[in-house]
PDB file of all heavy atoms in Angstrom:
ATOM      1  N   ALA A   1     -10.486 -16.923  -9.814  1.00  0.00           N
ATOM      2  CA  ALA A   1      -9.976 -17.649 -10.975  1.00  0.00           C
ATOM      3  C   ALA A   1      -8.985 -16.803 -11.765  1.00  0.00           C
ATOM      4  O   ALA A   1      -8.960 -15.574 -11.653  1.00  0.00           O
ATOM      5  CB  ALA A   1     -11.130 -18.073 -11.875  1.00  0.00           C
ATOM      6  N   SER A   2      -8.189 -17.469 -12.568  1.00  0.00           N
ATOM      7  CA  SER A   2      -7.171 -16.792 -13.360  1.00  0.00           C
ATOM      8  C   SER A   2      -7.779 -15.672 -14.212  1.00  0.00           C
ATOM      9  O   SER A   2      -8.782 -15.871 -14.902  1.00  0.00           O
ATOM     10  CB  SER A   2      -6.478 -17.808 -14.274  1.00  0.00           C
ATOM     11  OG  SER A   2      -5.503 -17.178 -15.063  1.00  0.00           O
ATOM     12  N   GLY A   3      -7.183 -14.499 -14.129  1.00  0.00           N
ATOM     13  CA  GLY A   3      -7.631 -13.352 -14.905  1.00  0.00           C
ATOM     14  C   GLY A   3      -8.680 -12.507 -14.217  1.00  0.00           C
ATOM     15  O   GLY A   3      -8.869 -11.337 -14.584  1.00  0.00           O
ATOM     16  N   VAL A   4      -9.354 -13.044 -13.211  1.00  0.00           N
ATOM     17  CA  VAL A   4     -10.439 -12.306 -12.554  1.00  0.00           C
ATOM     18  C   VAL A   4      -9.919 -11.111 -11.743  1.00  0.00           C
ATOM     19  O   VAL A   4     -10.457 -10.000 -11.867  1.00  0.00           O
ATOM     20  CB  VAL A   4     -11.298 -13.241 -11.681  1.00  0.00           C
ATOM     21  CG1 VAL A   4     -12.278 -12.445 -10.813  1.00  0.00           C
ATOM     22  CG2 VAL A   4     -12.063 -14.220 -12.570  1.00  0.00           C
ATOM     23  N   PRO A   5      -8.879 -11.272 -10.911  1.00  0.00           N
ATOM     24  CA  PRO A   5      -8.387 -10.093 -10.182  1.00  0.00           C
ATOM     25  C   PRO A   5      -7.883  -8.988 -11.106  1.00  0.00           C
ATOM     26  O   PRO A   5      -8.047  -7.801 -10.813  1.00  0.00           O
ATOM     27  CB  PRO A   5      -7.245 -10.661  -9.324  1.00  0.00           C
ATOM     28  CG  PRO A   5      -7.518 -12.110  -9.221  1.00  0.00           C
ATOM     29  CD  PRO A   5      -8.153 -12.496 -10.515  1.00  0.00           C
ATOM     30  N   GLU A   6      -7.275  -9.384 -12.229  1.00  0.00           N
ATOM     31  CA  GLU A   6      -6.795  -8.385 -13.190  1.00  0.00           C
ATOM     32  C   GLU A   6      -7.959  -7.620 -13.815  1.00  0.00           C
ATOM     33  O   GLU A   6      -7.890  -6.390 -13.988  1.00  0.00           O
ATOM     34  CB  GLU A   6      -5.971  -9.070 -14.295  1.00  0.00           C
ATOM     35  CG  GLU A   6      -4.620  -9.588 -13.834  1.00  0.00           C
ATOM     36  CD  GLU A   6      -4.684 -10.952 -13.136  1.00  0.00           C
ATOM     37  OE1 GLU A   6      -5.805 -11.516 -13.007  1.00  0.00           O
ATOM     38  OE2 GLU A   6      -3.629 -11.460 -12.715  1.00  0.00           O
ATOM     39  N   LEU A   7      -9.032  -8.338 -14.151  1.00  0.00           N
ATOM     40  CA  LEU A   7     -10.209  -7.673 -14.714  1.00  0.00           C
ATOM     41  C   LEU A   7     -10.878  -6.782 -13.670  1.00  0.00           C
ATOM     42  O   LEU A   7     -11.351  -5.683 -13.991  1.00  0.00           O
ATOM     43  CB  LEU A   7     -11.198  -8.730 -15.232  1.00  0.00           C
ATOM     44  CG  LEU A   7     -12.452  -8.209 -15.954  1.00  0.00           C
ATOM     45  CD1 LEU A   7     -12.066  -7.279 -17.107  1.00  0.00           C
ATOM     46  CD2 LEU A   7     -13.291  -9.380 -16.478  1.00  0.00           C
ATOM     47  N   ALA A   8     -10.896  -7.241 -12.425  1.00  0.00           N
ATOM     48  CA  ALA A   8     -11.427  -6.419 -11.332  1.00  0.00           C
ATOM     49  C   ALA A   8     -10.633  -5.125 -11.216  1.00  0.00           C
ATOM     50  O   ALA A   8     -11.207  -4.043 -11.020  1.00  0.00           O
ATOM     51  CB  ALA A   8     -11.388  -7.197 -10.021  1.00  0.00           C
ATOM     52  N   THR A   9      -9.323  -5.234 -11.354  1.00  0.00           N
ATOM     53  CA  THR A   9      -8.460  -4.048 -11.291  1.00  0.00           C
ATOM     54  C   THR A   9      -8.775  -3.081 -12.427  1.00  0.00           C
ATOM     55  O   THR A   9      -8.879  -1.861 -12.216  1.00  0.00           O
ATOM     56  CB  THR A   9      -6.974  -4.472 -11.368  1.00  0.00           C
ATOM     57  OG1 THR A   9      -6.674  -5.329 -10.269  1.00  0.00           O
ATOM     58  CG2 THR A   9      -6.061  -3.254 -11.325  1.00  0.00           C
ATOM     59  N   GLN A  10      -8.929  -3.607 -13.633  1.00  0.00           N
ATOM     60  CA  GLN A  10      -9.256  -2.757 -14.786  1.00  0.00           C
ATOM     61  C   GLN A  10     -10.558  -1.995 -14.549  1.00  0.00           C
ATOM     62  O   GLN A  10     -10.649  -0.796 -14.829  1.00  0.00           O
ATOM     63  CB  GLN A  10      -9.389  -3.609 -16.045  1.00  0.00           C
ATOM     64  CG  GLN A  10      -8.081  -4.193 -16.548  1.00  0.00           C
ATOM     65  CD  GLN A  10      -8.289  -5.107 -17.747  1.00  0.00           C
ATOM     66  OE1 GLN A  10      -9.269  -4.974 -18.486  1.00  0.00           O
ATOM     67  NE2 GLN A  10      -7.381  -6.049 -17.950  1.00  0.00           N
ATOM     68  N   ASN A  11     -11.565  -2.691 -14.034  1.00  0.00           N
ATOM     69  CA  ASN A  11     -12.862  -2.047 -13.785  1.00  0.00           C
ATOM     70  C   ASN A  11     -12.759  -1.000 -12.684  1.00  0.00           C
ATOM     71  O   ASN A  11     -13.394   0.068 -12.760  1.00  0.00           O
ATOM     72  CB  ASN A  11     -13.912  -3.096 -13.426  1.00  0.00           C
ATOM     73  CG  ASN A  11     -14.271  -3.980 -14.601  1.00  0.00           C
ATOM     74  OD1 ASN A  11     -13.989  -3.645 -15.759  1.00  0.00           O
ATOM     75  ND2 ASN A  11     -14.893  -5.124 -14.340  1.00  0.00           N
ATOM     76  N   LEU A  12     -11.977  -1.299 -11.641  1.00  0.00           N
ATOM     77  CA  LEU A  12     -11.788  -0.321 -10.571  1.00  0.00           C
ATOM     78  C   LEU A  12     -11.108   0.939 -11.084  1.00  0.00           C
ATOM     79  O   LEU A  12     -11.463   2.056 -10.698  1.00  0.00           O
ATOM     80  CB  LEU A  12     -10.950  -0.926  -9.446  1.00  0.00           C
ATOM     81  CG  LEU A  12     -11.677  -1.732  -8.373  1.00  0.00           C
ATOM     82  CD1 LEU A  12     -10.665  -2.379  -7.431  1.00  0.00           C
ATOM     83  CD2 LEU A  12     -12.633  -0.853  -7.583  1.00  0.00           C
ATOM     84  N   LYS A  13     -10.137   0.770 -11.978  1.00  0.00           N
ATOM     85  CA  LYS A  13      -9.395   1.921 -12.497  1.00  0.00           C
ATOM     86  C   LYS A  13     -10.264   2.829 -13.368  1.00  0.00           C
ATOM     87  O   LYS A  13      -9.968   4.018 -13.511  1.00  0.00           O
ATOM     88  CB  LYS A  13      -8.168   1.453 -13.277  1.00  0.00           C
ATOM     89  CG  LYS A  13      -7.023   0.983 -12.369  1.00  0.00           C
ATOM     90  CD  LYS A  13      -5.806   0.609 -13.178  1.00  0.00           C
ATOM     91  CE  LYS A  13      -4.643   0.225 -12.251  1.00  0.00           C
ATOM     92  NZ  LYS A  13      -4.135   1.394 -11.495  1.00  0.00           N
ATOM     93  N   GLN A  14     -11.330   2.275 -13.917  1.00  0.00           N
ATOM     94  CA  GLN A  14     -12.260   3.120 -14.665  1.00  0.00           C
ATOM     95  C   GLN A  14     -12.983   4.084 -13.725  1.00  0.00           C
ATOM     96  O   GLN A  14     -13.285   5.213 -14.093  1.00  0.00           O
ATOM     97  CB  GLN A  14     -13.267   2.252 -15.413  1.00  0.00           C
ATOM     98  CG  GLN A  14     -12.655   1.464 -16.563  1.00  0.00           C
ATOM     99  CD  GLN A  14     -13.680   0.611 -17.290  1.00  0.00           C
ATOM    100  OE1 GLN A  14     -14.881   0.718 -17.046  1.00  0.00           O
ATOM    101  NE2 GLN A  14     -13.214  -0.243 -18.194  1.00  0.00           N
ATOM    102  N   GLN A  15     -13.255   3.615 -12.527  1.00  0.00           N
ATOM    103  CA  GLN A  15     -13.950   4.447 -11.547  1.00  0.00           C
ATOM    104  C   GLN A  15     -12.977   5.263 -10.696  1.00  0.00           C
ATOM    105  O   GLN A  15     -13.256   6.408 -10.343  1.00  0.00           O
ATOM    106  CB  GLN A  15     -14.809   3.567 -10.636  1.00  0.00           C
ATOM    107  CG  GLN A  15     -15.746   4.339  -9.714  1.00  0.00           C
ATOM    108  CD  GLN A  15     -16.711   3.417  -8.986  1.00  0.00           C
ATOM    109  OE1 GLN A  15     -16.656   2.205  -9.120  1.00  0.00           O
ATOM    110  NE2 GLN A  15     -17.592   4.020  -8.201  1.00  0.00           N
ATOM    111  N   TYR A  16     -11.841   4.659 -10.371  1.00  0.00           N
ATOM    112  CA  TYR A  16     -10.822   5.319  -9.541  1.00  0.00           C
ATOM    113  C   TYR A  16      -9.481   5.235 -10.281  1.00  0.00           C
ATOM    114  O   TYR A  16      -8.674   4.345 -10.016  1.00  0.00           O
ATOM    115  CB  TYR A  16     -10.701   4.636  -8.169  1.00  0.00           C
ATOM    116  CG  TYR A  16     -12.017   4.442  -7.456  1.00  0.00           C
ATOM    117  CD1 TYR A  16     -12.559   3.158  -7.306  1.00  0.00           C
ATOM    118  CD2 TYR A  16     -12.725   5.515  -6.928  1.00  0.00           C
ATOM    119  CE1 TYR A  16     -13.760   2.958  -6.655  1.00  0.00           C
ATOM    120  CE2 TYR A  16     -13.933   5.337  -6.272  1.00  0.00           C
ATOM    121  CZ  TYR A  16     -14.439   4.052  -6.142  1.00  0.00           C
ATOM    122  OH  TYR A  16     -15.642   3.855  -5.494  1.00  0.00           O
ATOM    123  N   PRO A  17      -9.232   6.128 -11.226  1.00  0.00           N
ATOM    124  CA  PRO A  17      -8.047   6.017 -12.095  1.00  0.00           C
ATOM    125  C   PRO A  17      -6.728   5.949 -11.336  1.00  0.00           C
ATOM    126  O   PRO A  17      -5.771   5.343 -11.818  1.00  0.00           O
ATOM    127  CB  PRO A  17      -8.122   7.287 -12.950  1.00  0.00           C
ATOM    128  CG  PRO A  17      -9.569   7.671 -12.934  1.00  0.00           C
ATOM    129  CD  PRO A  17     -10.076   7.279 -11.588  1.00  0.00           C
ATOM    130  N   GLY A  18      -6.687   6.558 -10.160  1.00  0.00           N
ATOM    131  CA  GLY A  18      -5.432   6.589  -9.415  1.00  0.00           C
ATOM    132  C   GLY A  18      -5.258   5.470  -8.411  1.00  0.00           C
ATOM    133  O   GLY A  18      -4.276   5.462  -7.662  1.00  0.00           O
ATOM    134  N   ILE A  19      -6.195   4.532  -8.396  1.00  0.00           N
ATOM    135  CA  ILE A  19      -6.092   3.456  -7.404  1.00  0.00           C
ATOM    136  C   ILE A  19      -4.840   2.618  -7.687  1.00  0.00           C
ATOM    137  O   ILE A  19      -4.513   2.327  -8.842  1.00  0.00           O
ATOM    138  CB  ILE A  19      -7.366   2.592  -7.379  1.00  0.00           C
ATOM    139  CG1 ILE A  19      -7.487   1.867  -6.028  1.00  0.00           C
ATOM    140  CG2 ILE A  19      -7.444   1.633  -8.552  1.00  0.00           C
ATOM    141  CD1 ILE A  19      -8.904   1.367  -5.730  1.00  0.00           C
ATOM    142  N   ASN A  20      -4.135   2.256  -6.629  1.00  0.00           N
ATOM    143  CA  ASN A  20      -2.792   1.694  -6.781  1.00  0.00           C
ATOM    144  C   ASN A  20      -2.772   0.200  -6.442  1.00  0.00           C
ATOM    145  O   ASN A  20      -2.470  -0.196  -5.310  1.00  0.00           O
ATOM    146  CB  ASN A  20      -1.822   2.463  -5.869  1.00  0.00           C
ATOM    147  CG  ASN A  20      -0.381   2.062  -6.090  1.00  0.00           C
ATOM    148  OD1 ASN A  20      -0.026   1.498  -7.126  1.00  0.00           O
ATOM    149  ND2 ASN A  20       0.467   2.350  -5.116  1.00  0.00           N
ATOM    150  N   VAL A  21      -3.094  -0.629  -7.420  1.00  0.00           N
ATOM    151  CA  VAL A  21      -3.052  -2.086  -7.247  1.00  0.00           C
ATOM    152  C   VAL A  21      -1.665  -2.557  -7.682  1.00  0.00           C
ATOM    153  O   VAL A  21      -1.319  -2.494  -8.854  1.00  0.00           O
ATOM    154  CB  VAL A  21      -4.150  -2.789  -8.068  1.00  0.00           C
ATOM    155  CG1 VAL A  21      -4.066  -4.308  -7.880  1.00  0.00           C
ATOM    156  CG2 VAL A  21      -5.539  -2.283  -7.650  1.00  0.00           C
ATOM    157  N   VAL A  22      -0.877  -3.030  -6.717  1.00  0.00           N
ATOM    158  CA  VAL A  22       0.531  -3.347  -6.995  1.00  0.00           C
ATOM    159  C   VAL A  22       0.746  -4.818  -7.352  1.00  0.00           C
ATOM    160  O   VAL A  22       1.877  -5.224  -7.659  1.00  0.00           O
ATOM    161  CB  VAL A  22       1.420  -2.972  -5.791  1.00  0.00           C
ATOM    162  CG1 VAL A  22       1.379  -1.473  -5.544  1.00  0.00           C
ATOM    163  CG2 VAL A  22       1.016  -3.754  -4.532  1.00  0.00           C
ATOM    164  N   GLY A  23      -0.337  -5.609  -7.327  1.00  0.00           N
ATOM    165  CA  GLY A  23      -0.175  -7.008  -7.705  1.00  0.00           C
ATOM    166  C   GLY A  23      -1.470  -7.779  -7.651  1.00  0.00           C
ATOM    167  O   GLY A  23      -2.395  -7.428  -6.904  1.00  0.00           O
ATOM    168  N   CYS A  24      -1.561  -8.808  -8.491  1.00  0.00           N
ATOM    169  CA  CYS A  24      -2.707  -9.721  -8.523  1.00  0.00           C
ATOM    170  C   CYS A  24      -2.179 -11.146  -8.657  1.00  0.00           C
ATOM    171  O   CYS A  24      -1.187 -11.371  -9.362  1.00  0.00           O
ATOM    172  CB  CYS A  24      -3.620  -9.435  -9.723  1.00  0.00           C
ATOM    173  SG  CYS A  24      -4.416  -7.827  -9.725  1.00  0.00           S
ATOM    174  N   TYR A  25      -2.864 -12.068  -8.013  1.00  0.00           N
ATOM    175  CA  TYR A  25      -2.464 -13.469  -8.192  1.00  0.00           C
ATOM    176  C   TYR A  25      -3.654 -14.374  -7.905  1.00  0.00           C
ATOM    177  O   TYR A  25      -4.356 -14.191  -6.897  1.00  0.00           O
ATOM    178  CB  TYR A  25      -1.310 -13.833  -7.261  1.00  0.00           C
ATOM    179  CG  TYR A  25      -0.783 -15.234  -7.498  1.00  0.00           C
ATOM    180  CD1 TYR A  25      -0.108 -15.549  -8.678  1.00  0.00           C
ATOM    181  CD2 TYR A  25      -0.977 -16.240  -6.560  1.00  0.00           C
ATOM    182  CE1 TYR A  25       0.376 -16.833  -8.912  1.00  0.00           C
ATOM    183  CE2 TYR A  25      -0.497 -17.526  -6.774  1.00  0.00           C
ATOM    184  CZ  TYR A  25       0.164 -17.820  -7.956  1.00  0.00           C
ATOM    185  OH  TYR A  25       0.631 -19.084  -8.194  1.00  0.00           O
ATOM    186  N   SER A  26      -3.855 -15.342  -8.792  1.00  0.00           N
ATOM    187  CA  SER A  26      -4.902 -16.348  -8.609  1.00  0.00           C
ATOM    188  C   SER A  26      -4.225 -17.656  -8.203  1.00  0.00           C
ATOM    189  O   SER A  26      -3.599 -18.313  -9.039  1.00  0.00           O
ATOM    190  CB  SER A  26      -5.692 -16.543  -9.908  1.00  0.00           C
ATOM    191  OG  SER A  26      -6.318 -15.348 -10.303  1.00  0.00           O
ATOM    192  N   PRO A  27      -4.327 -18.046  -6.936  1.00  0.00           N
ATOM    193  CA  PRO A  27      -3.632 -19.258  -6.490  1.00  0.00           C
ATOM    194  C   PRO A  27      -4.281 -20.517  -7.047  1.00  0.00           C
ATOM    195  O   PRO A  27      -5.463 -20.532  -7.382  1.00  0.00           O
ATOM    196  CB  PRO A  27      -3.767 -19.195  -4.964  1.00  0.00           C
ATOM    197  CG  PRO A  27      -4.998 -18.390  -4.725  1.00  0.00           C
ATOM    198  CD  PRO A  27      -5.072 -17.393  -5.837  1.00  0.00           C
ATOM    199  N   SER A  28      -3.486 -21.569  -7.122  1.00  0.00           N
ATOM    200  CA  SER A  28      -3.997 -22.841  -7.623  1.00  0.00           C
ATOM    201  C   SER A  28      -4.917 -23.488  -6.595  1.00  0.00           C
ATOM    202  O   SER A  28      -4.873 -23.174  -5.404  1.00  0.00           O
ATOM    203  CB  SER A  28      -2.829 -23.779  -7.933  1.00  0.00           C
ATOM    204  OG  SER A  28      -2.059 -24.014  -6.759  1.00  0.00           O
ATOM    205  N   TYR A  29      -5.758 -24.407  -7.063  1.00  0.00           N
ATOM    206  CA  TYR A  29      -6.667 -25.114  -6.162  1.00  0.00           C
ATOM    207  C   TYR A  29      -5.859 -25.895  -5.126  1.00  0.00           C
ATOM    208  O   TYR A  29      -4.899 -26.584  -5.458  1.00  0.00           O
ATOM    209  CB  TYR A  29      -7.558 -26.070  -6.957  1.00  0.00           C
ATOM    210  CG  TYR A  29      -8.542 -26.816  -6.104  1.00  0.00           C
ATOM    211  CD1 TYR A  29      -9.699 -26.194  -5.644  1.00  0.00           C
ATOM    212  CD2 TYR A  29      -8.314 -28.135  -5.739  1.00  0.00           C
ATOM    213  CE1 TYR A  29     -10.604 -26.865  -4.854  1.00  0.00           C
ATOM    214  CE2 TYR A  29      -9.208 -28.823  -4.938  1.00  0.00           C
ATOM    215  CZ  TYR A  29     -10.361 -28.187  -4.500  1.00  0.00           C
ATOM    216  OH  TYR A  29     -11.245 -28.857  -3.690  1.00  0.00           O
ATOM    217  N   GLY A  30      -6.245 -25.747  -3.856  1.00  0.00           N
ATOM    218  CA  GLY A  30      -5.532 -26.435  -2.789  1.00  0.00           C
ATOM    219  C   GLY A  30      -4.216 -25.790  -2.413  1.00  0.00           C
ATOM    220  O   GLY A  30      -3.386 -26.409  -1.733  1.00  0.00           O
ATOM    221  N   PHE A  31      -4.025 -24.538  -2.810  1.00  0.00           N
ATOM    222  CA  PHE A  31      -2.742 -23.859  -2.571  1.00  0.00           C
ATOM    223  C   PHE A  31      -2.383 -23.786  -1.093  1.00  0.00           C
ATOM    224  O   PHE A  31      -1.195 -23.802  -0.734  1.00  0.00           O
ATOM    225  CB  PHE A  31      -2.789 -22.434  -3.153  1.00  0.00           C
ATOM    226  CG  PHE A  31      -3.555 -21.447  -2.308  1.00  0.00           C
ATOM    227  CD1 PHE A  31      -2.888 -20.584  -1.453  1.00  0.00           C
ATOM    228  CD2 PHE A  31      -4.943 -21.387  -2.358  1.00  0.00           C
ATOM    229  CE1 PHE A  31      -3.579 -19.670  -0.676  1.00  0.00           C
ATOM    230  CE2 PHE A  31      -5.654 -20.487  -1.574  1.00  0.00           C
ATOM    231  CZ  PHE A  31      -4.967 -19.621  -0.733  1.00  0.00           C
ATOM    232  N   GLU A  32      -3.405 -23.698  -0.238  1.00  0.00           N
ATOM    233  CA  GLU A  32      -3.135 -23.529   1.193  1.00  0.00           C
ATOM    234  C   GLU A  32      -2.410 -24.739   1.792  1.00  0.00           C
ATOM    235  O   GLU A  32      -1.799 -24.648   2.858  1.00  0.00           O
ATOM    236  CB  GLU A  32      -4.438 -23.240   1.950  1.00  0.00           C
ATOM    237  CG  GLU A  32      -5.380 -24.408   2.124  1.00  0.00           C
ATOM    238  CD  GLU A  32      -6.226 -24.725   0.895  1.00  0.00           C
ATOM    239  OE1 GLU A  32      -5.993 -24.093  -0.161  1.00  0.00           O
ATOM    240  OE2 GLU A  32      -7.100 -25.587   0.994  1.00  0.00           O
ATOM    241  N   LYS A  33      -2.471 -25.890   1.089  1.00  0.00           N
ATOM    242  CA  LYS A  33      -1.797 -27.102   1.559  1.00  0.00           C
ATOM    243  C   LYS A  33      -0.509 -27.390   0.791  1.00  0.00           C
ATOM    244  O   LYS A  33       0.141 -28.406   1.021  1.00  0.00           O
ATOM    245  CB  LYS A  33      -2.741 -28.296   1.424  1.00  0.00           C
ATOM    246  CG  LYS A  33      -4.013 -28.157   2.258  1.00  0.00           C
ATOM    247  CD  LYS A  33      -4.968 -29.308   1.989  1.00  0.00           C
ATOM    248  CE  LYS A  33      -6.276 -29.120   2.754  1.00  0.00           C
ATOM    249  NZ  LYS A  33      -7.246 -30.194   2.448  1.00  0.00           N
ATOM    250  N   ASN A  34      -0.160 -26.482  -0.101  1.00  0.00           N
ATOM    251  CA  ASN A  34       1.017 -26.649  -0.956  1.00  0.00           C
ATOM    252  C   ASN A  34       2.118 -25.704  -0.469  1.00  0.00           C
ATOM    253  O   ASN A  34       2.067 -24.496  -0.683  1.00  0.00           O
ATOM    254  CB  ASN A  34       0.642 -26.340  -2.408  1.00  0.00           C
ATOM    255  CG  ASN A  34       1.771 -26.589  -3.387  1.00  0.00           C
ATOM    256  OD1 ASN A  34       2.936 -26.367  -3.077  1.00  0.00           O
ATOM    257  ND2 ASN A  34       1.423 -27.036  -4.582  1.00  0.00           N
ATOM    258  N   ALA A  35       3.135 -26.261   0.213  1.00  0.00           N
ATOM    259  CA  ALA A  35       4.184 -25.438   0.811  1.00  0.00           C
ATOM    260  C   ALA A  35       4.898 -24.582  -0.227  1.00  0.00           C
ATOM    261  O   ALA A  35       5.185 -23.399   0.010  1.00  0.00           O
ATOM    262  CB  ALA A  35       5.182 -26.327   1.546  1.00  0.00           C
ATOM    263  N   GLU A  36       5.177 -25.157  -1.397  1.00  0.00           N
ATOM    264  CA  GLU A  36       5.889 -24.426  -2.439  1.00  0.00           C
ATOM    265  C   GLU A  36       5.066 -23.251  -2.953  1.00  0.00           C
ATOM    266  O   GLU A  36       5.599 -22.140  -3.137  1.00  0.00           O
ATOM    267  CB  GLU A  36       6.226 -25.377  -3.589  1.00  0.00           C
ATOM    268  CG  GLU A  36       7.132 -24.771  -4.651  1.00  0.00           C
ATOM    269  CD  GLU A  36       7.528 -25.772  -5.723  1.00  0.00           C
ATOM    270  OE1 GLU A  36       7.479 -26.995  -5.441  1.00  0.00           O
ATOM    271  OE2 GLU A  36       7.872 -25.337  -6.826  1.00  0.00           O
ATOM    272  N   GLU A  37       3.784 -23.478  -3.165  1.00  0.00           N
ATOM    273  CA  GLU A  37       2.901 -22.402  -3.634  1.00  0.00           C
ATOM    274  C   GLU A  37       2.786 -21.303  -2.585  1.00  0.00           C
ATOM    275  O   GLU A  37       2.823 -20.107  -2.904  1.00  0.00           O
ATOM    276  CB  GLU A  37       1.514 -22.982  -3.959  1.00  0.00           C
ATOM    277  CG  GLU A  37       0.452 -21.951  -4.318  1.00  0.00           C
ATOM    278  CD  GLU A  37       0.438 -21.562  -5.780  1.00  0.00           C
ATOM    279  OE1 GLU A  37       1.515 -21.571  -6.405  1.00  0.00           O
ATOM    280  OE2 GLU A  37      -0.633 -21.228  -6.297  1.00  0.00           O
ATOM    281  N   ASN A  38       2.661 -21.701  -1.324  1.00  0.00           N
ATOM    282  CA  ASN A  38       2.567 -20.705  -0.253  1.00  0.00           C
ATOM    283  C   ASN A  38       3.826 -19.863  -0.159  1.00  0.00           C
ATOM    284  O   ASN A  38       3.750 -18.635   0.021  1.00  0.00           O
ATOM    285  CB  ASN A  38       2.295 -21.397   1.089  1.00  0.00           C
ATOM    286  CG  ASN A  38       0.815 -21.682   1.292  1.00  0.00           C
ATOM    287  OD1 ASN A  38      -0.008 -20.806   1.165  1.00  0.00           O
ATOM    288  ND2 ASN A  38       0.504 -22.924   1.587  1.00  0.00           N
TER     289      ASN A  38
END
């Protein structure tokens, strides 16, 4: 869900400060069938 990967990243950085997360994205429901979203 929106905001969850970003919060996961924040928590990971507390344990592994140098971990290199270069991007996060929460796709919309049914994204796999949406050519534009893909």
